[in-house]
């Protein structure tokens, strides 16, 4: 066990995974990583292997508390932090850091998304141990994924001076590039994909938040001062006033002494149906669920059906497509275009079709 704490961030909406992802059952609650455990449960499994139970928090939205508790029966309810409104990752991390700082002091805290696929337990544990050691030396640490292709959907981290053992000072963060720039970055050989996972000491992070995000800083300070009995009141009164900004933009890209640890484990952000299809998941689940999938002249087409009626799904003459079939909605999109599924969700909202959201 690491002498550290962990906050699992589980408040996302998962709109790119419609029609399977819904308002009360978003991406992180779905089994998209293979097998029958949800992405949240897989994140929980990784956390339980590294951190003491009493030092693991899950931060989610109020509407998802019951679903989270149902999927994680081992987690005490007091360790589920229920955000009254969505405010992105900076306030989420501020609340977790304030709670941990109040209860355990200035310790290393890992903040990890609940909706990523990761494989390679030994390498994962080694990377977090390295990051926790750097955090105790005053570094804010991110994890960098060695890039395998010129990906335009990720942010990049450029490595600076070596800190030993797969760790580097961060020279700069780079926004999502176009393909030509992504190819140049990879050719230079000193960049990583930004994984969205972080480790830092609670004291250092709270200092940065106070300096850069004043409303969020005041909220975090009030959580520390209020104690266990007064925390709910502080959240109800102050959380909505926090700056709605990601920790990347709010802190990481502006802070000094930021490090990146190279991740030597397999990783996917599971950012769209394309990412799931690339890993080949879904077909076995469809078959085992009794759904008959027929293809003819449909190369590269990936199908997932969870319709309770166990209808036959037939695809003929449609290559490189993604087909997701549920009881009340059907998605068909070209492979490579599934990032745009969120636009379908917005269109359905505009048409008042909350019944399928």
Protein backbone atom coordinates (compact mmCIF):
# COMPACT_ATOMS: atom_id res chain seq x y z
CA UNK A 1 0.00 0.00 0.00
CA UNK A 2 1.17 3.51 -0.80
CA UNK A 3 1.28 6.09 1.98
CA UNK A 4 -1.05 8.26 -0.07
CA UNK A 5 -4.72 8.87 -0.88
CA UNK A 6 -6.76 8.61 -4.06
CA UNK A 7 -9.70 10.56 -5.47
CA UNK A 8 -11.60 8.87 -8.30
CA UNK A 9 -13.31 11.49 -10.46
CA UNK A 10 -16.65 10.05 -11.56
CA UNK A 11 -18.87 12.95 -12.54
CA UNK A 12 -18.76 12.88 -16.35
CA UNK A 13 -21.84 12.79 -18.58
CA UNK A 14 -20.48 10.39 -21.22
CA UNK A 15 -22.51 11.91 -24.06
CA UNK A 16 -20.25 10.42 -26.75
CA UNK A 17 -21.47 6.95 -25.71
CA UNK A 18 -25.13 7.52 -26.47
CA UNK A 19 -27.36 5.55 -26.87
CA UNK A 20 -25.91 3.19 -24.25
CA UNK A 21 -24.80 6.04 -21.98
CA UNK A 22 -27.72 7.96 -20.46
CA UNK A 23 -28.22 10.81 -18.00
CA UNK A 24 -28.49 8.46 -15.02
CA UNK A 25 -26.12 5.80 -16.42
CA UNK A 26 -23.14 7.59 -17.96
CA UNK A 27 -20.01 6.11 -19.48
CA UNK A 28 -18.17 5.38 -16.23
CA UNK A 29 -21.00 3.13 -15.04
CA UNK A 30 -20.88 1.00 -18.20
CA UNK A 31 -18.83 -2.13 -18.87
CA UNK A 32 -16.76 -0.75 -21.75
CA UNK A 33 -13.40 -2.20 -20.77
CA UNK A 34 -14.17 -5.85 -21.42
CA UNK A 35 -15.78 -8.25 -18.99
CA UNK A 36 -18.74 -7.39 -16.80
CA UNK A 37 -17.21 -4.71 -14.54
CA UNK A 38 -17.84 -1.07 -15.28
CA UNK A 39 -15.06 1.42 -15.94
CA UNK A 40 -15.72 2.85 -12.46
CA UNK A 41 -15.39 -0.58 -10.87
CA UNK A 42 -12.13 -1.19 -12.72
CA UNK A 43 -10.81 2.17 -11.46
CA UNK A 44 -11.90 1.13 -7.96
CA UNK A 45 -10.06 -2.20 -8.29
CA UNK A 46 -6.85 -0.37 -9.20
CA UNK A 47 -7.24 2.07 -6.32
CA UNK A 48 -7.92 -0.68 -3.77
CA UNK A 49 -4.70 -2.42 -4.80
CA UNK A 50 -2.62 0.69 -4.03
CA UNK A 51 -4.36 2.84 -1.41
CA UNK A 52 -5.89 2.18 2.04
CA UNK A 53 -9.68 1.96 1.89
CA UNK A 54 -10.17 4.87 4.28
CA UNK A 55 -8.09 7.10 1.96
CA UNK A 56 -10.11 6.50 -1.22
CA UNK A 57 -12.76 9.04 -2.26
CA UNK A 58 -15.12 9.02 -5.22
CA UNK A 59 -16.29 12.43 -6.45
CA UNK A 60 -19.48 12.36 -8.50
CA UNK A 61 -22.69 14.26 -9.17
CA UNK A 62 -25.59 14.18 -6.74
CA UNK A 63 -27.78 12.32 -9.23
CA UNK A 64 -25.26 9.46 -9.48
CA UNK A 65 -24.61 8.83 -5.78
CA UNK A 66 -26.99 5.87 -5.52
CA UNK A 67 -25.64 4.27 -8.70
CA UNK A 68 -22.04 4.73 -7.54
CA UNK A 69 -22.83 3.30 -4.12
CA UNK A 70 -24.55 0.35 -5.77
CA UNK A 71 -21.52 -0.45 -7.88
CA UNK A 72 -19.03 0.05 -5.02
CA UNK A 73 -20.61 -1.57 -1.95
CA UNK A 74 -17.27 -1.61 -0.10
CA UNK A 75 -16.98 2.18 -0.22
CA UNK A 76 -18.39 3.98 2.85
CA UNK A 77 -21.05 6.54 1.92
CA UNK A 78 -19.10 9.25 3.73
CA UNK A 79 -16.33 8.81 1.13
CA UNK A 80 -18.62 9.64 -1.80
CA UNK A 81 -18.40 13.39 -2.45
CA UNK A 82 -21.61 14.50 -4.21
CA UNK A 83 -21.19 17.64 -6.30
CA UNK A 84 -24.43 19.68 -6.33
CA UNK A 85 -23.61 21.09 -9.79
CA UNK A 86 -20.97 20.20 -12.41
CA UNK A 87 -17.91 22.46 -12.21
CA UNK A 88 -15.21 20.49 -14.11
CA UNK A 89 -12.12 18.98 -12.50
CA UNK A 90 -10.52 21.88 -10.62
CA UNK A 91 -13.28 22.24 -8.00
CA UNK A 92 -13.61 18.44 -7.88
CA UNK A 93 -9.92 18.08 -7.04
CA UNK A 94 -10.02 21.04 -4.65
CA UNK A 95 -12.78 19.40 -2.62
CA UNK A 96 -10.98 16.05 -2.50
CA UNK A 97 -7.68 17.71 -1.56
CA UNK A 98 -9.36 19.73 1.19
CA UNK A 99 -11.08 16.65 2.66
CA UNK A 100 -7.88 14.58 2.61
CA UNK A 101 -5.80 17.46 4.00
CA UNK A 102 -8.22 17.93 6.88
CA UNK A 103 -8.38 14.24 7.76
CA UNK A 104 -4.85 13.00 7.01
CA UNK A 105 -2.63 16.07 6.73
CA UNK A 106 -0.30 17.06 3.91
CA UNK A 107 -0.09 13.72 2.10
CA UNK A 108 0.25 12.67 -1.53
CA UNK A 109 -3.10 12.50 -3.32
CA UNK A 110 -3.74 10.82 -6.66
CA UNK A 111 -6.61 12.19 -8.77
CA UNK A 112 -7.67 9.70 -11.45
CA UNK A 113 -10.57 9.61 -13.92
CA UNK A 114 -13.11 6.83 -13.49
CA UNK A 115 -13.57 6.24 -17.21
CA UNK A 116 -10.21 5.04 -18.54
CA UNK A 117 -9.07 1.56 -19.53
CA UNK A 118 -5.71 0.52 -18.08
CA UNK A 119 -3.84 -2.76 -18.16
CA UNK A 120 -0.56 -3.72 -16.50
CA UNK A 121 -0.94 -3.70 -12.73
CA UNK A 122 2.75 -3.86 -11.83
CA UNK A 123 3.71 -0.98 -14.12
CA UNK A 124 0.72 1.02 -12.93
CA UNK A 125 1.69 0.58 -9.29
CA UNK A 126 5.33 1.45 -9.99
CA UNK A 127 4.34 4.65 -11.79
CA UNK A 128 2.15 5.80 -8.90
CA UNK A 129 4.84 4.99 -6.35
CA UNK A 130 7.30 7.11 -8.35
CA UNK A 131 4.79 9.94 -8.64
CA UNK A 132 4.00 9.86 -4.91
CA UNK A 133 7.70 10.17 -4.12
CA UNK A 134 7.97 13.22 -6.40
CA UNK A 135 4.85 14.72 -4.83
CA UNK A 136 6.46 14.48 -1.41
CA UNK A 137 9.36 16.53 -2.84
CA UNK A 138 6.96 19.30 -3.87
CA UNK A 139 6.29 18.35 -7.50
CA UNK A 140 2.85 18.24 -9.07
CA UNK A 141 2.93 15.13 -11.24
CA UNK A 142 1.07 14.11 -14.36
CA UNK A 143 1.37 10.81 -16.19
CA UNK A 144 2.45 10.83 -19.81
CA UNK A 145 1.46 8.14 -22.28
CA UNK A 146 4.15 7.40 -24.90
CA UNK A 147 2.35 8.24 -28.16
CA UNK A 148 1.73 5.44 -30.64
CA UNK A 149 0.26 7.59 -33.43
CA UNK A 150 -0.20 11.29 -34.33
CA UNK A 151 -3.39 11.63 -32.30
CA UNK A 152 -5.22 14.95 -32.70
CA UNK A 153 -7.77 14.34 -29.93
CA UNK A 154 -5.31 14.46 -27.00
CA UNK A 155 -3.29 17.17 -25.36
CA UNK A 156 0.48 16.62 -25.24
CA UNK A 157 3.14 17.15 -22.58
CA UNK A 158 6.68 18.07 -23.61
CA UNK A 159 9.38 16.67 -21.36
CA UNK A 160 12.22 18.81 -20.08
CA UNK A 161 15.09 17.83 -17.80
CA UNK A 162 15.27 14.25 -16.56
CA UNK A 163 14.40 13.58 -12.91
CA UNK A 164 15.44 9.93 -13.05
CA UNK A 165 13.41 6.72 -13.22
CA UNK A 166 11.08 7.63 -16.10
CA UNK A 167 10.37 11.10 -14.71
CA UNK A 168 10.97 14.52 -16.29
CA UNK A 169 10.29 18.14 -15.51
CA UNK A 170 7.50 19.41 -17.75
CA UNK A 171 8.74 21.90 -20.31
CA UNK A 172 5.24 22.82 -21.47
CA UNK A 173 1.74 21.56 -22.12
CA UNK A 174 0.55 21.56 -25.71
CA UNK A 175 -3.04 21.89 -26.87
CA UNK A 176 -4.64 19.32 -29.14
CA UNK A 177 -2.68 19.68 -32.40
CA UNK A 178 -3.69 19.21 -36.01
CA UNK A 179 -2.29 16.10 -37.69
CA UNK A 180 0.74 17.80 -39.24
CA UNK A 181 1.83 19.26 -35.91
CA UNK A 182 1.14 15.98 -34.11
CA UNK A 183 3.46 14.20 -36.56
CA UNK A 184 6.19 16.78 -35.88
CA UNK A 185 5.76 16.44 -32.12
CA UNK A 186 6.09 12.68 -32.23
CA UNK A 187 9.09 12.87 -34.53
CA UNK A 188 10.84 15.10 -31.97
CA UNK A 189 10.64 12.24 -29.48
CA UNK A 190 10.19 14.29 -26.29
CA UNK A 191 6.41 14.38 -25.91
CA UNK A 192 3.73 12.30 -24.24
CA UNK A 193 -0.03 12.23 -24.43
CA UNK A 194 -1.55 13.90 -21.37
CA UNK A 195 -3.35 11.11 -19.48
CA UNK A 196 -5.47 13.29 -17.19
CA UNK A 197 -4.12 11.51 -14.07
CA UNK A 198 -2.29 13.52 -11.40
CA UNK A 199 -0.46 13.12 -8.09
CA UNK A 200 0.41 15.99 -5.73
CA UNK A 201 0.67 16.81 -2.07
CA UNK A 202 -2.58 18.20 -0.74
CA UNK A 203 -0.82 21.24 0.74
CA UNK A 204 0.88 22.12 -2.55
CA UNK A 205 -2.31 21.75 -4.60
CA UNK A 206 -4.35 23.82 -2.18
CA UNK A 207 -1.71 26.56 -2.35
CA UNK A 208 -1.85 26.58 -6.15
CA UNK A 209 -5.64 26.68 -6.18
CA UNK A 210 -5.72 29.57 -3.71
CA UNK A 211 -3.26 31.50 -5.87
CA UNK A 212 -4.93 30.88 -9.23
CA UNK A 213 -8.62 30.17 -8.61
CA UNK A 214 -9.75 32.44 -5.77
CA UNK A 215 -13.36 31.27 -5.44
CA UNK A 216 -12.36 27.62 -5.54
CA UNK A 217 -9.57 28.38 -3.09
CA UNK A 218 -11.99 29.98 -0.64
CA UNK A 219 -14.30 26.97 -0.97
CA UNK A 220 -11.45 24.54 -0.25
CA UNK A 221 -10.30 26.58 2.74
CA UNK A 222 -13.83 26.57 4.13
CA UNK A 223 -14.02 22.77 3.77
CA UNK A 224 -10.82 22.38 5.78
CA UNK A 225 -12.01 24.80 8.46
CA UNK A 226 -15.57 23.48 8.73
CA UNK A 227 -14.70 20.01 9.94
CA UNK A 228 -16.77 16.94 9.26
CA UNK A 229 -19.95 18.38 10.76
CA UNK A 230 -19.90 21.57 8.71
CA UNK A 231 -18.70 20.26 5.36
CA UNK A 232 -22.15 19.65 3.85
CA UNK A 233 -23.17 23.23 4.61
CA UNK A 234 -20.02 24.61 2.97
CA UNK A 235 -20.63 22.52 -0.15
CA UNK A 236 -24.26 23.62 -0.39
CA UNK A 237 -23.38 27.30 0.03
CA UNK A 238 -20.10 27.62 -1.87
CA UNK A 239 -19.52 24.86 -4.42
CA UNK A 240 -21.66 26.41 -7.16
CA UNK A 241 -19.58 29.59 -6.91
CA UNK A 242 -16.33 27.82 -7.78
CA UNK A 243 -14.72 28.56 -11.13
CA UNK A 244 -15.93 26.03 -13.72
CA UNK A 245 -12.53 25.08 -15.14
CA UNK A 246 -10.40 21.99 -15.58
CA UNK A 247 -7.38 21.38 -13.38
CA UNK A 248 -5.26 21.39 -16.55
CA UNK A 249 -6.16 24.96 -17.51
CA UNK A 250 -6.68 26.23 -13.98
CA UNK A 251 -3.50 24.94 -12.37
CA UNK A 252 -1.29 22.49 -14.26
CA UNK A 253 -0.43 24.71 -17.22
CA UNK A 254 0.36 27.66 -14.94
CA UNK A 255 2.18 26.06 -12.02
CA UNK A 256 5.92 25.72 -11.40
CA UNK A 257 7.65 22.41 -10.60
CA UNK A 258 5.37 20.16 -12.63
CA UNK A 259 6.71 16.73 -13.53
CA UNK A 260 5.65 13.97 -15.90
CA UNK A 261 6.11 10.27 -15.20
CA UNK A 262 6.20 8.05 -18.27
CA UNK A 263 3.40 5.48 -18.11
CA UNK A 264 4.62 2.01 -19.05
CA UNK A 265 1.19 0.44 -18.80
CA UNK A 266 -1.44 0.03 -21.52
CA UNK A 267 -3.89 2.94 -21.51
CA UNK A 268 -6.94 4.21 -23.36
CA UNK A 269 -9.09 7.18 -22.49
CA UNK A 270 -12.09 5.27 -23.92
CA UNK A 271 -13.12 8.57 -25.43
CA UNK A 272 -15.60 7.34 -28.04
CA UNK A 273 -17.16 4.26 -29.58
CA UNK A 274 -14.17 4.22 -31.95
CA UNK A 275 -11.85 3.63 -28.99
CA UNK A 276 -13.97 0.69 -27.82
CA UNK A 277 -14.19 -0.74 -31.32
CA UNK A 278 -10.41 -0.49 -31.78
CA UNK A 279 -9.95 -2.80 -28.81
CA UNK A 280 -12.37 -5.30 -30.32
CA UNK A 281 -14.77 -5.29 -27.36
CA UNK A 282 -18.48 -5.77 -27.81
CA UNK A 283 -18.80 -8.70 -30.20
CA UNK A 284 -18.33 -11.37 -27.53
CA UNK A 285 -20.74 -9.53 -25.25
CA UNK A 286 -23.34 -9.37 -27.99
CA UNK A 287 -22.98 -13.06 -28.75
CA UNK A 288 -23.13 -14.09 -25.10
CA UNK A 289 -26.26 -11.98 -24.65
CA UNK A 290 -28.09 -14.04 -27.24
CA UNK A 291 -28.04 -11.39 -29.98
CA UNK A 292 -27.45 -12.74 -33.46
CA UNK A 293 -25.27 -10.42 -35.54
CA UNK A 294 -25.14 -11.10 -39.28
CA UNK A 295 -22.65 -9.36 -41.59
CA UNK A 296 -22.27 -9.52 -45.31
CA UNK A 297 -19.83 -7.38 -47.24
CA UNK A 298 -19.32 -5.17 -44.15
CA UNK A 299 -15.55 -5.01 -43.50
CA UNK A 300 -14.49 -3.03 -40.44
CA UNK A 301 -18.04 -2.70 -39.13
CA UNK A 302 -18.42 -3.10 -35.37
CA UNK A 303 -21.72 -3.91 -33.70
CA UNK A 304 -22.89 -3.81 -30.11
CA UNK A 305 -26.47 -4.70 -29.23
CA UNK A 306 -27.98 -4.66 -25.76
CA UNK A 307 -31.63 -4.71 -26.79
CA UNK A 308 -33.68 -6.71 -24.32
CA UNK A 309 -35.76 -8.16 -27.14
CA UNK A 310 -32.66 -9.88 -28.51
CA UNK A 311 -33.46 -8.77 -32.03
CA UNK A 312 -31.35 -9.92 -34.95
CA UNK A 313 -28.87 -7.27 -36.13
CA UNK A 314 -27.96 -7.58 -39.81
CA UNK A 315 -25.42 -5.36 -41.57
CA UNK A 316 -25.05 -5.66 -45.35
CA UNK A 317 -22.75 -3.68 -47.61
CA UNK A 318 -21.82 -1.12 -44.95
CA UNK A 319 -18.12 -1.08 -44.16
CA UNK A 320 -16.22 0.82 -41.47
CA UNK A 321 -19.31 1.59 -39.45
CA UNK A 322 -20.24 1.50 -35.77
CA UNK A 323 -23.69 0.19 -34.86
CA UNK A 324 -25.02 0.43 -31.28
CA UNK A 325 -28.51 -0.92 -30.69
CA UNK A 326 -30.53 -0.50 -27.49
CA UNK A 327 -34.20 -0.98 -26.59
CA UNK A 328 -35.24 2.54 -27.58
CA UNK A 329 -32.50 3.93 -29.83
CA UNK A 330 -30.17 2.92 -32.64
CA UNK A 331 -26.88 4.60 -33.54
CA UNK A 332 -25.16 4.10 -36.89
CA UNK A 333 -22.06 6.15 -37.59
CA UNK A 334 -18.93 6.00 -39.69
CA UNK A 335 -15.82 4.80 -37.88
CA UNK A 336 -13.75 7.85 -37.10
CA UNK A 337 -16.82 10.04 -36.58
CA UNK A 338 -18.02 8.79 -33.20
CA UNK A 339 -16.62 11.85 -31.40
CA UNK A 340 -19.57 13.69 -32.96
CA UNK A 341 -22.18 11.55 -31.20
CA UNK A 342 -22.42 14.28 -28.56
CA UNK A 343 -23.98 16.48 -31.27
CA UNK A 344 -26.81 13.93 -31.55
CA UNK A 345 -27.39 14.25 -27.80
CA UNK A 346 -27.56 18.03 -28.09
CA UNK A 347 -30.02 17.76 -30.99
CA UNK A 348 -32.24 15.41 -28.99
CA UNK A 349 -32.15 17.83 -26.05
CA UNK A 350 -33.21 20.67 -28.38
CA UNK A 351 -36.12 18.57 -29.61
CA UNK A 352 -37.30 17.77 -26.12
CA UNK A 353 -36.49 14.06 -26.35
CA UNK A 354 -35.39 13.56 -22.78
CA UNK A 355 -37.04 10.16 -22.86
CA UNK A 356 -34.06 8.79 -24.81
CA UNK A 357 -31.38 10.68 -22.89
